[in-house]
Amino acid sequence: MYSVKNIKRFRGMEGHGYNATLCRDGKKVAFVMDSGDGGEANFEWNDRTAPKVDITIDYFGDGRTHTYQGTPEEKLFLELANSQTYTAYGHTGRKDGAILIEELIETDKFRKDCKTKTLFRLASDGEDTYQVYKERFDHEVRAWLVRQYGDQLVEIINERPEIREG
């Protein structure tokens, strides 16, 4: 299972950037940096001196593949990312390493916030928007949210399996 730690966020020239340590099963496997310049995240793999292996990725999910040489750890991570899909702004596609890292960083932030707050989404919220109730989540807060918002309540982020497990 992948996770991130040592996350440092900053403002770049074209958005927010970050530095983070990518871990697999608790062991550091790469340093990741998005410089916030509008480009892709960069990975510095710990096994960069290992013999190179073929990495085959189907970026669009249509059978057109791209093969290149990379590290064994890079292959594991990118093949996991490429085996998953995402939907954003009406488009569905295959994940790449940068998208998976962003999700891991978001999950880390949610885990931290959910320790002391309740995070939830309403039907009227945008795709990447959520509400914050400044009370620790418990069954009473859950009941209040259901009474308060009824059918408008789409999701309680505190109840996501990846948040509860962390």
Protein backbone atom coordinates (compact mmCIF):
# COMPACT_ATOMS: atom_id res chain seq x y z
CA MET A 1 0.00 0.00 0.00
CA TYR A 2 1.31 3.43 -0.94
CA SER A 3 1.33 6.49 1.28
CA VAL A 4 3.04 9.88 1.43
CA LYS A 5 4.76 11.65 4.28
CA ASN A 6 6.97 14.69 4.87
CA ILE A 7 4.62 16.74 2.67
CA LYS A 8 5.64 20.34 2.21
CA ARG A 9 3.31 22.57 0.21
CA PHE A 10 4.25 25.86 -1.38
CA ARG A 11 3.07 28.34 -3.98
CA GLY A 12 4.69 28.04 -7.41
CA MET A 13 4.58 30.26 -10.48
CA GLU A 14 1.47 28.55 -11.87
CA GLY A 15 -0.25 27.03 -8.87
CA HIS A 16 0.56 25.16 -5.74
CA GLY A 17 3.46 22.74 -5.56
CA TYR A 18 4.70 20.18 -3.09
CA ASN A 19 7.59 17.97 -2.03
CA ALA A 20 6.78 14.60 -0.51
CA THR A 21 8.23 11.21 0.31
CA LEU A 22 6.45 8.32 -1.43
CA CYS A 23 6.37 5.13 0.65
CA ARG A 24 5.29 1.58 -0.15
CA ASP A 25 4.37 -0.50 2.89
CA GLY A 26 6.00 2.15 5.08
CA LYS A 27 9.35 2.09 3.24
CA LYS A 28 10.60 5.16 1.34
CA VAL A 29 10.68 4.46 -2.40
CA ALA A 30 10.88 7.93 -3.97
CA PHE A 31 11.10 11.67 -3.45
CA VAL A 32 8.38 13.49 -5.38
CA MET A 33 8.31 17.16 -6.33
CA ASP A 34 5.76 19.25 -8.16
CA SER A 35 7.37 22.67 -8.55
CA GLY A 36 4.05 24.43 -9.18
CA ASP A 37 5.14 25.57 -12.64
CA GLY A 38 2.31 23.93 -14.57
CA GLY A 39 4.37 20.85 -15.46
CA GLU A 40 4.28 17.27 -14.26
CA ALA A 41 5.48 16.00 -10.90
CA ASN A 42 9.05 14.68 -10.86
CA PHE A 43 10.00 11.42 -9.17
CA GLU A 44 13.46 10.57 -7.86
CA TRP A 45 13.31 6.81 -7.37
CA ASN A 46 15.45 5.28 -4.62
CA ASP A 47 16.24 2.28 -6.82
CA ARG A 48 17.47 4.46 -9.72
CA THR A 49 20.75 2.48 -9.87
CA ALA A 50 18.93 -0.86 -10.26
CA PRO A 51 18.86 -2.46 -13.71
CA LYS A 52 16.17 -0.85 -15.88
CA VAL A 53 12.98 -2.70 -16.73
CA ASP A 54 10.34 -2.20 -19.42
CA ILE A 55 7.32 -0.19 -18.27
CA THR A 56 4.26 -0.39 -20.51
CA ILE A 57 1.46 2.10 -19.93
CA ASP A 58 -1.92 2.48 -21.64
CA TYR A 59 -2.57 6.16 -20.94
CA PHE A 60 -5.96 6.34 -22.62
CA GLY A 61 -7.34 2.87 -21.84
CA ASP A 62 -7.81 2.12 -25.52
CA GLY A 63 -5.05 -0.44 -26.04
CA ARG A 64 -2.50 2.01 -27.44
CA THR A 65 0.49 1.49 -25.20
CA HIS A 66 3.77 3.26 -24.61
CA THR A 67 6.81 1.30 -23.41
CA TYR A 68 9.94 2.81 -21.92
CA GLN A 69 12.75 1.94 -19.51
CA GLY A 70 12.43 2.74 -15.80
CA THR A 71 13.19 1.40 -12.35
CA PRO A 72 11.47 -1.67 -10.86
CA GLU A 73 9.84 0.50 -8.16
CA GLU A 74 8.66 3.00 -10.78
CA LYS A 75 7.10 0.12 -12.71
CA LEU A 76 5.16 -1.10 -9.66
CA PHE A 77 3.84 2.37 -8.90
CA LEU A 78 2.93 3.38 -12.45
CA GLU A 79 1.28 0.07 -13.28
CA LEU A 80 -0.86 0.45 -10.15
CA ALA A 81 -1.77 4.01 -11.14
CA ASN A 82 -2.54 3.00 -14.74
CA SER A 83 -4.79 0.14 -13.57
CA GLN A 84 -7.17 2.72 -12.03
CA THR A 85 -9.45 5.27 -13.64
CA TYR A 86 -10.48 8.76 -12.58
CA THR A 87 -13.27 11.09 -13.58
CA ALA A 88 -12.81 14.84 -13.52
CA TYR A 89 -14.80 17.58 -15.22
CA GLY A 90 -16.79 15.09 -17.27
CA HIS A 91 -13.71 13.19 -18.53
CA THR A 92 -12.79 9.65 -17.54
CA GLY A 93 -9.24 8.44 -18.06
CA ARG A 94 -6.44 6.28 -16.73
CA LYS A 95 -4.53 7.58 -13.75
CA ASP A 96 -0.87 8.45 -14.01
CA GLY A 97 1.68 8.80 -11.24
CA ALA A 98 0.93 12.48 -10.64
CA ILE A 99 -2.80 11.87 -10.21
CA LEU A 100 -2.19 9.01 -7.78
CA ILE A 101 0.25 11.16 -5.77
CA GLU A 102 -2.32 13.98 -5.60
CA GLU A 103 -4.89 11.50 -4.28
CA LEU A 104 -2.44 10.21 -1.66
CA ILE A 105 -1.67 13.78 -0.54
CA GLU A 106 -5.40 14.57 -0.36
CA THR A 107 -6.03 11.40 1.68
CA ASP A 108 -3.22 12.39 4.07
CA LYS A 109 -4.78 15.84 4.52
CA PHE A 110 -8.25 14.36 5.06
CA ARG A 111 -6.89 11.92 7.67
CA LYS A 112 -5.31 14.79 9.60
CA ASP A 113 -8.40 17.02 9.36
CA CYS A 114 -10.81 14.19 10.22
CA LYS A 115 -9.10 13.66 13.58
CA THR A 116 -10.63 16.90 14.88
CA LYS A 117 -13.32 17.90 12.35
CA THR A 118 -16.16 16.47 10.30
CA LEU A 119 -15.78 16.73 6.52
CA PHE A 120 -18.74 16.13 4.22
CA ARG A 121 -20.06 16.79 0.74
CA LEU A 122 -23.47 18.06 -0.33
CA ALA A 123 -25.18 17.60 -3.69
CA SER A 124 -24.73 21.32 -4.36
CA ASP A 125 -20.95 21.18 -3.83
CA GLY A 126 -18.59 21.14 -6.79
CA GLU A 127 -16.51 18.08 -7.71
CA ASP A 128 -13.55 19.10 -5.56
CA THR A 129 -15.49 20.89 -2.82
CA TYR A 130 -16.42 19.76 0.66
CA GLN A 131 -17.86 21.25 3.84
CA VAL A 132 -16.16 21.40 7.25
CA TYR A 133 -18.03 21.12 10.53
CA LYS A 134 -15.66 22.04 13.35
CA GLU A 135 -16.69 19.18 15.63
CA ARG A 136 -15.03 15.79 15.98
CA PHE A 137 -17.01 13.17 14.02
CA ASP A 138 -19.09 10.68 15.99
CA HIS A 139 -22.54 9.05 15.76
CA GLU A 140 -24.25 12.17 17.16
CA VAL A 141 -22.64 14.43 14.55
CA ARG A 142 -23.58 11.92 11.86
CA ALA A 143 -27.22 11.94 13.01
CA TRP A 144 -27.22 15.76 13.04
CA LEU A 145 -25.85 15.90 9.47
CA VAL A 146 -28.54 13.50 8.24
CA ARG A 147 -31.29 15.53 9.97
CA GLN A 148 -29.85 18.87 8.83
CA TYR A 149 -29.16 18.03 5.17
CA GLY A 150 -31.25 14.94 4.38
CA ASP A 151 -31.02 13.94 0.72
CA GLN A 152 -28.52 16.74 0.05
CA LEU A 153 -25.87 14.84 2.05
CA VAL A 154 -23.78 12.97 -0.55
CA GLU A 155 -20.83 11.78 1.53
CA ILE A 156 -19.22 12.01 4.94
CA ILE A 157 -15.50 11.96 4.19
CA ASN A 158 -14.73 10.74 7.73
CA GLU A 159 -16.46 7.46 6.77
CA ARG A 160 -14.24 6.68 3.79
CA PRO A 161 -12.43 3.36 4.38
CA GLU A 162 -9.01 4.87 3.59
CA ILE A 163 -9.64 7.60 6.19
CA ARG A 164 -10.84 5.23 8.93
CA GLU A 165 -7.94 2.83 8.32
CA GLY A 166 -5.27 5.54 8.59
